[in-house]
Amino acid sequence: MRAADLHRQAFDVLVVGGGVIGCGVARDAARRGLRVALFEQDDFGSGTSSGSTRLIHGGLRYLEMLDFGLVRLDLREREILLRIAPHLVTPLRFLLPFYRTSAFTRLKMRAGMWLYDGLSYDRSLDGHRMLSPDAAHEAEPRLVREGLQGAASYSDAQAALPERLCIENIVDASQAGAAICNHARVVAAVVSDGRIRGVRVQDLIAQREVEVSARVVVNAAGPWFDRAAGVLQSAARPRVRTTRGIHIACPNPPKHALALPSAVDGRLTFVIPWLGYTWVGTTDIDYEDDPADVAATPDEVDYLRRSVEPFVGGLGDVLFTNAGVRALVRRDGHASAVTRSHQVIAEQDPVGLVSIIGGKLTGYRAIAEEATQRVCRLLDVHARGTTATEPLPGARAAAPEPLLLDEDQRAHLTYLYGTRRVEVLELVQARPELGRRLMPSEPDVLAQVVHAVRHEACERVADFVLRRSRLAFTRHRGRPALGRIASAMREELGWSDLRVAEELAHCRKLLARTDGDVPPGEEQFAEID
């Protein structure tokens, strides 16, 4: 749905920001029967959500910070997400190796493991085990043997594609009646008598500004929170501390995820198997610029290499990078020591504005539930939330589906859509030409593009490449398929030749910003007709 179509419409609640928390609020509120609209200035999950380490975890290092409430909340949410989104959130076994550490440090880590298990008393995953040096090296041959004193083995989980987690939330919100709009920037608040009455929104696709009314507005803009607050409040003060984190993708994934103290400064770093790569992260550096412009720097890439290579050996080429901006509750001190806890605030200036500050991917559903509860109190609505028990759309019972496409393609569709893959297969059944692969080397088919436009609010070529598929995370970054994707979207959306050219240039620019050591050249990955 386009924001331009909502002119003068009235809602119970407007959500500003389409990261995973904003998408979670829209889902929760819509499922409670509220009239909901969500506005995202770029695309769903295009900010912090897609720049994360892609873990669903309690956070061992928060135990050291004595933030037991945060760890417990995230461990509880880990179990909920494993139940309601098993196609997107999967168990991941970690090793925490010990290198040249004192007996006291190893004893402290053993106690930490018992505490971690105790805080996840409702877990479905295996508890921790302590491994000898030989057992640790056998479990993960990439670990450098010299100085290895053993390891702790423990369970957490991974959301390999948090972008898809955002999409599943907006799909469910839409099915519950919400108006979900991306590429729609909130530019002003409508306030009278000290109460917020709605917002003015610029539809960046239609190039039109409209006014939309609401009884409550939720600021879920993440790292853009202070910018959004400046639009929504008359005397907003900075309340968010933004820090940059980057990741690099390299060849030869480890057998297990590894939690490692940086060889540079002791910060916890991760080396994780992810989509056939070694996924390494992350940094934590204060960042004051527009989060939309964030990108990995050579110094940060070098830092990650120097942090983990003494433990796992050479990483090889950096195939591509990833960067995101965290939104932390504003505190002084070193960035890594700032709490990852969140705040949900019912503002008094203006009344009717609810602010969400901070938060993590793991706890997104609980944070969204807390914010929706606050909205319901303001509206005197007593409907209960159901998001902790109701599966996301792709985790619901499967409908009978046509037996089409190759097995690798069907498995790929299940990975992306869960049981919703039937929707893609039905498109192929109706129009067999949509079963054509986007490129010979990948399982993706044209029907996915059509499905993304019709059912997942895909408005731009980059939306599909970076967030509706995993093409941006392949060696060729999806470049050979760009022409076919644009052609399919032109047919669905009525694009002109100029719009097609603009879309291709925009997508290529975004991909180039995250290319690695050896960017794929046009001659190597030429686009196909």
Protein backbone atom coordinates (compact mmCIF):
# COMPACT_ATOMS: atom_id res chain seq x y z
CA MET A 1 0.00 0.00 0.00
CA ARG A 2 1.25 3.48 -0.80
CA ALA A 3 1.13 6.30 1.73
CA ALA A 4 -0.44 8.54 -0.92
CA ASP A 5 -3.54 6.34 -0.76
CA LEU A 6 -4.10 7.13 2.92
CA HIS A 7 -4.79 10.87 2.62
CA ARG A 8 -7.22 12.05 5.31
CA GLN A 9 -7.72 8.50 6.62
CA ALA A 10 -7.91 7.95 10.37
CA PHE A 11 -6.22 5.23 12.45
CA ASP A 12 -5.95 4.25 16.08
CA VAL A 13 -2.16 4.09 15.93
CA LEU A 14 0.55 5.17 13.51
CA VAL A 15 3.98 3.52 13.75
CA VAL A 16 6.99 5.53 12.58
CA GLY A 17 9.82 3.18 11.62
CA GLY A 18 9.79 -0.18 9.88
CA GLY A 19 12.66 -1.96 11.56
CA VAL A 20 11.91 -5.22 13.28
CA ILE A 21 10.54 -3.51 16.42
CA GLY A 22 8.24 -1.19 14.43
CA CYS A 23 7.06 -4.12 12.31
CA GLY A 24 6.45 -6.05 15.54
CA VAL A 25 4.34 -3.20 16.95
CA ALA A 26 2.26 -3.08 13.76
CA ARG A 27 1.66 -6.83 13.94
CA ASP A 28 0.78 -6.87 17.63
CA ALA A 29 -1.53 -3.85 17.43
CA ALA A 30 -3.32 -5.05 14.29
CA ARG A 31 -3.87 -8.49 15.80
CA ARG A 32 -5.56 -6.80 18.78
CA GLY A 33 -8.07 -5.21 16.42
CA LEU A 34 -6.60 -1.70 16.29
CA ARG A 35 -6.58 0.30 13.07
CA VAL A 36 -2.88 0.53 12.29
CA ALA A 37 -0.66 2.27 9.75
CA LEU A 38 3.12 1.97 9.57
CA PHE A 39 5.46 4.36 7.73
CA GLU A 40 9.06 3.47 6.90
CA GLN A 41 11.24 6.01 5.11
CA ASP A 42 13.30 3.38 3.27
CA ASP A 43 12.39 -0.30 3.25
CA PHE A 44 11.38 -2.67 6.03
CA GLY A 45 14.46 -3.92 7.88
CA SER A 46 16.85 -1.80 5.83
CA GLY A 47 18.53 -0.21 8.87
CA THR A 48 19.68 -1.75 12.13
CA SER A 49 17.79 -5.01 11.59
CA SER A 50 19.79 -5.92 8.49
CA GLY A 51 23.02 -4.59 10.02
CA SER A 52 22.94 -6.93 13.02
CA THR A 53 25.11 -9.94 13.84
CA ARG A 54 22.03 -12.04 12.98
CA LEU A 55 21.95 -13.80 16.33
CA ILE A 56 19.02 -14.58 18.60
CA HIS A 57 20.80 -14.85 21.93
CA GLY A 58 20.76 -13.89 25.57
CA GLY A 59 24.12 -12.20 25.39
CA LEU A 60 26.82 -13.72 27.55
CA ARG A 61 28.63 -10.41 27.96
CA TYR A 62 25.54 -8.87 29.58
CA LEU A 63 26.07 -11.29 32.46
CA GLU A 64 29.38 -9.54 33.13
CA MET A 65 27.45 -6.25 33.14
CA LEU A 66 25.10 -7.85 35.74
CA ASP A 67 22.12 -7.11 33.47
CA PHE A 68 20.32 -10.31 34.43
CA GLY A 69 16.90 -8.93 33.50
CA LEU A 70 17.99 -8.29 29.91
CA VAL A 71 19.58 -11.74 29.61
CA ARG A 72 16.47 -13.45 30.98
CA LEU A 73 14.16 -11.49 28.68
CA ASP A 74 16.24 -12.36 25.62
CA LEU A 75 16.55 -16.04 26.56
CA ARG A 76 12.78 -16.23 26.98
CA GLU A 77 12.30 -14.50 23.63
CA ARG A 78 14.79 -16.86 22.00
CA GLU A 79 12.50 -19.76 22.94
CA ILE A 80 9.42 -17.93 21.68
CA LEU A 81 11.03 -17.17 18.31
CA LEU A 82 12.19 -20.76 17.92
CA ARG A 83 8.51 -21.74 18.29
CA ILE A 84 6.78 -19.07 16.22
CA ALA A 85 9.36 -18.73 13.43
CA PRO A 86 11.31 -22.02 13.13
CA HIS A 87 11.95 -21.41 9.41
CA LEU A 88 13.75 -18.15 10.21
CA VAL A 89 15.23 -18.76 13.69
CA THR A 90 17.33 -21.89 14.10
CA PRO A 91 19.52 -23.34 16.88
CA LEU A 92 23.24 -22.56 16.75
CA ARG A 93 25.88 -24.22 18.89
CA PHE A 94 28.67 -21.96 20.16
CA LEU A 95 32.18 -22.56 21.43
CA LEU A 96 33.85 -20.12 23.80
CA PRO A 97 37.53 -21.19 23.73
CA PHE A 98 40.06 -20.42 26.46
CA TYR A 99 43.52 -19.25 25.46
CA ARG A 100 46.20 -18.61 28.07
CA THR A 101 43.66 -17.72 30.73
CA SER A 102 44.06 -18.12 34.47
CA ALA A 103 42.35 -20.87 36.41
CA PHE A 104 40.23 -18.20 38.10
CA THR A 105 39.01 -16.87 34.72
CA ARG A 106 38.10 -20.36 33.54
CA LEU A 107 36.27 -20.98 36.82
CA LYS A 108 34.38 -17.70 36.38
CA MET A 109 33.38 -18.70 32.85
CA ARG A 110 32.17 -22.09 34.09
CA ALA A 111 30.02 -20.31 36.66
CA GLY A 112 28.76 -18.00 33.92
CA MET A 113 27.71 -21.02 31.86
CA TRP A 114 25.72 -22.44 34.78
CA LEU A 115 24.07 -19.06 35.29
CA TYR A 116 23.26 -18.78 31.56
CA ASP A 117 21.62 -22.20 31.65
CA GLY A 118 19.77 -21.26 34.84
CA LEU A 119 18.36 -18.09 33.29
CA SER A 120 17.15 -20.16 30.32
CA TYR A 121 15.33 -22.65 32.54
CA ASP A 122 12.54 -22.99 29.96
CA ARG A 123 14.93 -23.76 27.12
CA SER A 124 14.41 -26.37 24.44
CA LEU A 125 18.11 -26.31 23.54
CA ASP A 126 20.91 -28.34 25.09
CA GLY A 127 22.75 -26.89 28.05
CA HIS A 128 26.46 -26.14 28.24
CA ARG A 129 29.38 -28.56 28.28
CA MET A 130 33.00 -27.94 29.16
CA LEU A 131 35.48 -29.32 26.61
CA SER A 132 39.11 -30.34 26.99
CA PRO A 133 41.68 -28.83 24.61
CA ASP A 134 41.59 -31.94 22.41
CA ALA A 135 37.78 -32.05 22.38
CA ALA A 136 37.58 -28.33 21.59
CA HIS A 137 39.98 -28.65 18.66
CA GLU A 138 38.15 -31.72 17.38
CA ALA A 139 34.83 -29.88 17.58
CA GLU A 140 36.27 -26.87 15.73
CA PRO A 141 39.44 -27.64 13.70
CA ARG A 142 39.81 -23.97 12.75
CA LEU A 143 40.82 -23.12 16.33
CA VAL A 144 44.55 -22.49 16.61
CA ARG A 145 45.91 -25.31 18.76
CA GLU A 146 48.76 -23.42 20.40
CA GLY A 147 47.70 -22.07 23.78
CA LEU A 148 44.21 -23.65 23.63
CA GLN A 149 43.14 -24.66 27.14
CA GLY A 150 39.66 -25.95 26.31
CA ALA A 151 36.29 -24.40 25.62
CA ALA A 152 32.76 -23.96 26.85
CA SER A 153 30.12 -25.26 24.46
CA TYR A 154 26.64 -23.72 24.73
CA SER A 155 23.45 -23.15 22.72
CA ASP A 156 21.92 -20.03 21.24
CA ALA A 157 20.13 -19.33 17.96
CA GLN A 158 20.55 -17.55 14.65
CA ALA A 159 18.27 -15.46 12.45
CA ALA A 160 20.25 -15.75 9.24
CA LEU A 161 17.87 -13.39 7.44
CA PRO A 162 16.39 -10.88 9.91
CA GLU A 163 15.14 -8.99 6.86
CA ARG A 164 12.70 -11.84 6.32
CA LEU A 165 11.66 -11.65 9.98
CA CYS A 166 10.62 -8.04 9.34
CA ILE A 167 8.70 -9.09 6.22
CA GLU A 168 6.84 -11.87 8.04
CA ASN A 169 5.70 -9.37 10.68
CA ILE A 170 4.38 -6.89 8.10
CA VAL A 171 2.67 -9.69 6.15
CA ASP A 172 0.83 -10.75 9.29
CA ALA A 173 0.03 -7.13 10.16
CA SER A 174 -1.35 -6.59 6.65
CA GLN A 175 -3.47 -9.73 6.86
CA ALA A 176 -4.89 -8.32 10.13
CA GLY A 177 -5.87 -5.10 8.34
CA ALA A 178 -2.87 -2.81 8.87
CA ALA A 179 -1.82 -0.30 6.22
CA ILE A 180 1.90 -0.92 5.72
CA CYS A 181 3.87 1.71 3.76
CA ASN A 182 7.55 1.78 2.93
CA HIS A 183 9.42 4.59 1.17
CA ALA A 184 7.23 6.98 3.15
CA ARG A 185 8.87 9.66 5.29
CA VAL A 186 7.08 11.34 8.19
CA VAL A 187 7.83 15.05 7.80
CA ALA A 188 5.60 16.73 10.39
CA ALA A 189 3.30 16.06 13.31
CA VAL A 190 -0.27 17.27 13.50
CA VAL A 191 -0.69 18.58 17.07
CA SER A 192 -3.52 20.51 18.71
CA ASP A 193 -4.27 21.28 22.36
CA GLY A 194 -1.05 19.51 23.39
CA ARG A 195 -2.13 16.20 21.85
CA ILE A 196 -0.77 14.53 18.74
CA ARG A 197 -3.52 14.03 16.15
CA GLY A 198 -1.59 12.50 13.28
CA VAL A 199 1.29 13.12 10.90
CA ARG A 200 2.14 14.46 7.50
CA VAL A 201 3.85 11.87 5.32
CA GLN A 202 5.83 12.26 2.11
CA ASP A 203 5.28 9.32 -0.24
CA LEU A 204 8.73 9.05 -1.81
CA ILE A 205 7.50 6.85 -4.67
CA ALA A 206 4.42 8.89 -5.62
CA GLN A 207 6.20 12.18 -4.74
CA ARG A 208 3.15 13.39 -2.84
CA GLU A 209 2.63 14.63 0.72
CA VAL A 210 -0.49 13.57 2.62
CA GLU A 211 -1.97 14.00 6.08
CA VAL A 212 -3.00 10.94 8.11
CA SER A 213 -4.87 11.08 11.42
CA ALA A 214 -4.34 8.90 14.48
CA ARG A 215 -5.14 8.80 18.18
CA VAL A 216 -1.63 7.54 19.09
CA VAL A 217 1.74 7.72 17.30
CA VAL A 218 4.64 5.39 18.09
CA ASN A 219 8.22 6.51 17.44
CA ALA A 220 10.01 3.25 16.62
CA ALA A 221 12.61 4.85 14.35
CA GLY A 222 15.62 3.13 15.94
CA PRO A 223 18.85 5.03 15.14
CA TRP A 224 16.71 7.72 13.50
CA PHE A 225 14.80 8.15 16.79
CA ASP A 226 16.12 11.63 17.60
CA ARG A 227 15.53 12.80 14.03
CA ALA A 228 11.94 11.52 14.19
CA ALA A 229 11.47 13.03 17.65
CA GLY A 230 12.55 16.38 16.23
CA VAL A 231 9.63 16.13 13.82
CA LEU A 232 7.11 14.77 16.32
CA GLN A 233 7.94 16.85 19.41
CA SER A 234 8.38 20.58 19.86
CA ALA A 235 11.28 20.44 22.32
CA ALA A 236 12.94 17.09 21.73
CA ARG A 237 16.30 16.45 23.37
CA PRO A 238 18.80 13.79 22.25
CA ARG A 239 17.96 10.51 23.96
CA VAL A 240 19.68 7.94 21.73
CA ARG A 241 23.35 7.07 21.47
CA THR A 242 24.17 5.65 18.06
CA THR A 243 27.11 3.32 17.47
CA ARG A 244 28.33 1.69 14.30
CA GLY A 245 28.90 -2.05 13.97
CA ILE A 246 30.30 -3.81 10.92
CA HIS A 247 30.58 -7.42 9.77
CA ILE A 248 32.59 -9.15 7.07
CA ALA A 249 31.83 -12.28 5.06
CA CYS A 250 34.76 -14.54 4.24
CA PRO A 251 35.12 -18.05 2.78
CA ASN A 252 35.38 -21.38 4.65
CA PRO A 253 32.80 -21.25 7.46
CA PRO A 254 33.62 -22.84 10.83
CA LYS A 255 31.73 -25.91 11.99
CA HIS A 256 30.52 -24.07 15.10
CA ALA A 257 29.88 -20.47 16.01
CA LEU A 258 32.78 -19.04 17.99
CA ALA A 259 32.65 -16.36 20.68
CA LEU A 260 36.15 -14.92 20.99
CA PRO A 261 37.75 -12.17 23.05
CA SER A 262 39.31 -9.77 20.57
CA ALA A 263 43.08 -10.18 20.40
CA VAL A 264 43.21 -6.38 20.06
CA ASP A 265 41.20 -5.13 23.03
CA GLY A 266 39.40 -8.09 24.63
CA ARG A 267 35.91 -7.16 23.32
CA LEU A 268 33.69 -10.13 22.55
CA THR A 269 33.71 -10.91 18.83
CA PHE A 270 31.95 -13.60 16.82
CA VAL A 271 33.04 -15.94 14.04
CA ILE A 272 29.89 -17.63 12.80
CA PRO A 273 28.85 -20.04 10.03
CA TRP A 274 26.33 -18.12 7.95
CA LEU A 275 24.88 -18.93 4.50
CA GLY A 276 28.05 -20.82 3.59
CA TYR A 277 30.39 -18.04 4.75
CA THR A 278 32.43 -17.11 7.78
CA TRP A 279 30.56 -14.17 9.30
CA VAL A 280 32.77 -12.04 11.54
CA GLY A 281 31.70 -9.13 13.76
CA THR A 282 31.39 -6.71 15.23
CA THR A 283 32.72 -3.25 16.01
CA ASP A 284 31.14 -0.72 18.38
CA ILE A 285 32.10 2.88 17.55
CA ASP A 286 30.15 6.07 18.16
CA TYR A 287 28.53 7.30 14.96
CA GLU A 288 26.89 10.70 14.51
CA ASP A 289 26.12 10.79 10.77
CA ASP A 290 22.95 9.68 8.97
CA PRO A 291 22.51 5.93 9.65
CA ALA A 292 21.50 5.53 5.99
CA ASP A 293 25.08 6.31 4.98
CA VAL A 294 26.83 3.83 7.27
CA ALA A 295 29.46 1.61 5.67
CA ALA A 296 32.42 -0.48 6.77
CA THR A 297 35.79 1.27 6.82
CA PRO A 298 39.18 -0.34 6.03
CA ASP A 299 40.31 0.27 9.62
CA GLU A 300 37.30 -1.61 11.00
CA VAL A 301 37.84 -4.53 8.62
CA ASP A 302 41.47 -4.64 9.72
CA TYR A 303 40.38 -4.55 13.37
CA LEU A 304 38.17 -7.61 12.87
CA ARG A 305 40.96 -9.49 11.14
CA ARG A 306 43.44 -8.70 13.92
CA SER A 307 40.82 -9.57 16.53
CA VAL A 308 40.09 -13.12 15.41
CA GLU A 309 42.88 -14.39 13.15
CA PRO A 310 45.19 -15.23 16.09
CA PHE A 311 42.51 -17.74 17.16
CA VAL A 312 41.18 -19.10 13.84
CA GLY A 313 43.96 -18.46 11.32
CA GLY A 314 43.73 -16.39 8.16
CA LEU A 315 40.22 -15.41 7.06
CA GLY A 316 41.02 -15.06 3.36
CA ASP A 317 39.37 -12.52 1.12
CA VAL A 318 36.57 -10.35 2.41
CA LEU A 319 33.78 -11.18 -0.03
CA PHE A 320 31.44 -8.43 1.14
CA THR A 321 30.77 -6.28 4.18
CA ASN A 322 27.77 -5.23 6.20
CA ALA A 323 27.25 -2.25 8.50
CA GLY A 324 24.51 -1.03 10.79
CA VAL A 325 23.85 1.55 13.49
CA ARG A 326 22.67 0.60 16.96
CA ALA A 327 20.20 2.78 18.84
CA LEU A 328 21.18 2.71 22.51
CA VAL A 329 19.66 4.46 25.48
CA ARG A 330 21.85 7.55 25.82
CA ARG A 331 24.52 6.98 28.47
CA ASP A 332 28.11 8.10 29.00
CA GLY A 333 31.03 5.69 28.96
CA HIS A 334 32.59 3.32 26.47
CA ALA A 335 30.17 2.31 23.72
CA SER A 336 30.50 -1.40 24.45
CA ALA A 337 29.62 -0.82 28.11
CA VAL A 338 26.35 1.00 27.41
CA THR A 339 23.29 -1.06 28.33
CA ARG A 340 21.32 -2.77 25.58
CA SER A 341 18.15 -2.47 27.64
CA HIS A 342 15.28 -0.49 26.16
CA GLN A 343 12.76 2.12 27.32
CA VAL A 344 9.10 2.55 26.34
CA ILE A 345 7.80 5.99 27.28
CA ALA A 346 4.33 7.53 27.07
CA GLU A 347 5.23 11.16 26.37
CA GLN A 348 3.49 14.19 27.87
CA ASP A 349 4.68 16.56 25.14
CA PRO A 350 2.68 15.85 23.12
CA VAL A 351 0.19 13.51 24.75
CA GLY A 352 -0.50 10.48 22.57
CA LEU A 353 3.13 9.91 21.53
CA VAL A 354 4.81 6.66 22.60
CA SER A 355 8.61 6.45 22.28
CA ILE A 356 10.67 3.26 21.98
CA ILE A 357 14.35 3.81 22.78
CA GLY A 358 16.98 1.11 22.38
CA GLY A 359 16.40 -2.63 22.08
CA LYS A 360 17.90 -5.68 20.39
CA LEU A 361 16.85 -8.00 17.59
CA THR A 362 16.37 -10.88 20.03
CA GLY A 363 13.90 -9.01 22.20
CA TYR A 364 11.99 -7.26 19.42
CA ARG A 365 8.70 -9.11 20.01
CA ALA A 366 8.63 -8.41 23.74
CA ILE A 367 9.53 -4.75 23.20
CA ALA A 368 6.78 -4.45 20.60
CA GLU A 369 4.33 -6.10 23.00
CA GLU A 370 5.27 -3.67 25.79
CA ALA A 371 4.82 -0.69 23.46
CA THR A 372 1.47 -2.01 22.22
CA GLN A 373 0.31 -2.49 25.80
CA ARG A 374 1.16 1.17 26.43
CA VAL A 375 -0.82 2.15 23.31
CA CYS A 376 -3.80 0.11 24.47
CA ARG A 377 -3.79 1.84 27.85
CA LEU A 378 -3.86 5.23 26.15
CA LEU A 379 -6.77 4.07 23.99
CA ASP A 380 -8.58 2.25 26.83
CA VAL A 381 -8.43 -0.99 24.84
CA HIS A 382 -8.27 -4.26 26.75
CA ALA A 383 -7.50 -6.80 24.01
CA ARG A 384 -4.73 -9.24 24.88
CA GLY A 385 -1.64 -9.77 22.80
CA THR A 386 -1.19 -13.05 20.92
CA THR A 387 2.23 -12.67 19.29
CA ALA A 388 4.00 -14.94 21.80
CA THR A 389 1.87 -17.91 20.81
CA GLU A 390 0.64 -17.28 17.28
CA PRO A 391 3.18 -18.45 14.66
CA LEU A 392 4.34 -16.06 12.01
CA PRO A 393 2.69 -16.72 8.62
CA GLY A 394 5.49 -18.91 7.26
CA ALA A 395 5.34 -21.18 10.31
CA ARG A 396 1.64 -21.99 10.07
CA ALA A 397 0.16 -25.23 8.77
CA ALA A 398 0.98 -25.82 5.13
CA ALA A 399 -1.71 -25.81 2.48
CA PRO A 400 -1.62 -28.43 -0.32
CA GLU A 401 0.79 -27.21 -2.96
CA PRO A 402 1.55 -28.02 -6.58
CA LEU A 403 4.60 -30.23 -7.08
CA LEU A 404 6.60 -27.84 -9.24
CA LEU A 405 10.26 -26.79 -9.62
CA ASP A 406 13.41 -28.72 -8.73
CA GLU A 407 14.06 -29.97 -5.22
CA ASP A 408 16.80 -27.42 -4.59
CA GLN A 409 14.39 -24.67 -5.57
CA ARG A 410 11.64 -25.98 -3.31
CA ALA A 411 14.10 -26.20 -0.39
CA HIS A 412 15.25 -22.66 -1.13
CA LEU A 413 11.67 -21.38 -1.13
CA THR A 414 11.05 -23.09 2.20
CA TYR A 415 14.14 -21.39 3.64
CA LEU A 416 12.83 -17.97 2.57
CA TYR A 417 9.08 -18.34 3.02
CA GLY A 418 8.42 -21.38 5.20
CA THR A 419 4.97 -22.75 4.42
CA ARG A 420 4.20 -19.58 2.46
CA ARG A 421 6.21 -21.08 -0.39
CA VAL A 422 2.88 -22.40 -1.66
CA GLU A 423 2.02 -18.83 -2.71
CA VAL A 424 5.07 -18.72 -4.99
CA LEU A 425 4.40 -22.20 -6.38
CA GLU A 426 0.80 -21.25 -7.18
CA LEU A 427 2.09 -18.34 -9.26
CA VAL A 428 4.26 -20.77 -11.21
CA GLN A 429 1.32 -23.11 -11.67
CA ALA A 430 -0.81 -20.28 -13.09
CA ARG A 431 2.01 -18.91 -15.28
CA PRO A 432 4.69 -21.56 -15.96
CA GLU A 433 7.08 -18.93 -17.39
CA LEU A 434 7.43 -17.59 -13.85
CA GLY A 435 9.28 -20.78 -12.95
CA ARG A 436 12.25 -19.55 -14.97
CA ARG A 437 15.38 -19.08 -12.88
CA LEU A 438 16.64 -15.56 -12.40
CA MET A 439 20.10 -16.90 -13.22
CA PRO A 440 21.42 -20.41 -13.90
CA SER A 441 23.58 -20.62 -10.77
CA GLU A 442 20.87 -19.79 -8.22
CA PRO A 443 17.51 -21.41 -7.32
CA ASP A 444 15.54 -18.13 -7.33
CA VAL A 445 12.74 -17.83 -9.89
CA LEU A 446 10.78 -14.99 -11.49
CA ALA A 447 7.71 -15.86 -9.45
CA GLN A 448 9.51 -14.62 -6.34
CA VAL A 449 9.74 -11.14 -7.82
CA VAL A 450 6.04 -11.09 -8.69
CA HIS A 451 5.17 -12.44 -5.25
CA ALA A 452 7.34 -9.81 -3.56
CA VAL A 453 5.59 -6.99 -5.40
CA ARG A 454 2.07 -8.32 -4.83
CA HIS A 455 2.38 -9.64 -1.27
CA GLU A 456 5.50 -8.19 0.39
CA ALA A 457 5.41 -4.47 -0.46
CA CYS A 458 8.46 -4.67 -2.72
CA GLU A 459 8.75 -1.28 -4.46
CA ARG A 460 12.36 -1.16 -5.67
CA VAL A 461 14.88 -3.52 -7.26
CA ALA A 462 17.12 -3.10 -4.20
CA ASP A 463 14.20 -4.10 -1.95
CA PHE A 464 14.11 -7.47 -3.67
CA VAL A 465 17.85 -8.09 -3.99
CA LEU A 466 18.76 -7.04 -0.45
CA ARG A 467 15.68 -7.95 1.60
CA ARG A 468 13.12 -10.13 -0.23
CA SER A 469 15.75 -12.63 -1.35
CA ARG A 470 19.28 -13.59 -0.34
CA LEU A 471 20.79 -12.64 -3.70
CA ALA A 472 22.86 -9.81 -2.20
CA PHE A 473 24.58 -12.44 -0.04
CA THR A 474 25.84 -14.53 -2.97
CA ARG A 475 29.34 -14.24 -4.49
CA HIS A 476 27.97 -12.30 -7.46
CA ARG A 477 25.71 -10.16 -5.19
CA GLY A 478 22.74 -10.79 -7.52
CA ARG A 479 24.21 -8.65 -10.29
CA PRO A 480 23.49 -11.08 -13.15
CA ALA A 481 19.79 -11.09 -12.24
CA LEU A 482 19.23 -7.33 -11.98
CA GLY A 483 17.92 -6.95 -15.52
CA ARG A 484 15.38 -9.75 -15.16
CA ILE A 485 14.26 -8.48 -11.76
CA ALA A 486 13.74 -4.97 -13.13
CA SER A 487 11.83 -6.30 -16.13
CA ALA A 488 9.50 -8.32 -13.92
CA MET A 489 8.90 -5.33 -11.64
CA ARG A 490 8.30 -3.07 -14.64
CA GLU A 491 5.57 -5.43 -15.80
CA GLU A 492 3.94 -5.46 -12.34
CA LEU A 493 4.31 -1.76 -11.53
CA GLY A 494 4.18 -0.09 -14.94
CA TRP A 495 7.65 1.44 -14.81
CA SER A 496 9.01 3.63 -17.60
CA ASP A 497 12.41 3.05 -19.21
CA LEU A 498 13.77 5.92 -17.11
CA ARG A 499 12.48 4.36 -13.88
CA VAL A 500 14.09 1.03 -14.79
CA ALA A 501 17.44 2.74 -15.39
CA GLU A 502 17.16 4.61 -12.08
CA GLU A 503 16.34 1.43 -10.19
CA LEU A 504 19.29 -0.47 -11.66
CA ALA A 505 21.70 2.38 -10.91
CA HIS A 506 20.41 2.67 -7.33
CA CYS A 507 20.79 -1.06 -6.66
CA ARG A 508 24.28 -1.21 -8.18
CA LYS A 509 25.35 1.72 -6.00
CA LEU A 510 24.17 0.00 -2.82
CA LEU A 511 25.90 -3.24 -3.75
CA ALA A 512 29.16 -1.46 -4.58
CA ARG A 513 29.15 0.14 -1.12
CA THR A 514 29.36 -3.31 0.49
CA ASP A 515 31.65 -5.11 -1.96
CA GLY A 516 34.69 -6.79 -0.45
CA ASP A 517 38.36 -7.09 -1.32
CA VAL A 518 37.75 -8.25 -4.88
CA PRO A 519 34.55 -6.65 -6.20
CA PRO A 520 32.96 -8.76 -8.94
CA GLY A 521 33.55 -7.03 -12.25
CA GLU A 522 31.00 -6.49 -14.99
CA GLU A 523 32.94 -8.81 -17.27
CA GLN A 524 32.80 -11.60 -14.66
CA PHE A 525 29.16 -11.23 -13.68
CA ALA A 526 27.47 -9.66 -16.68
CA GLU A 527 23.72 -9.30 -16.49
CA ILE A 528 21.66 -11.81 -18.46
CA ASP A 529 18.67 -11.07 -20.63
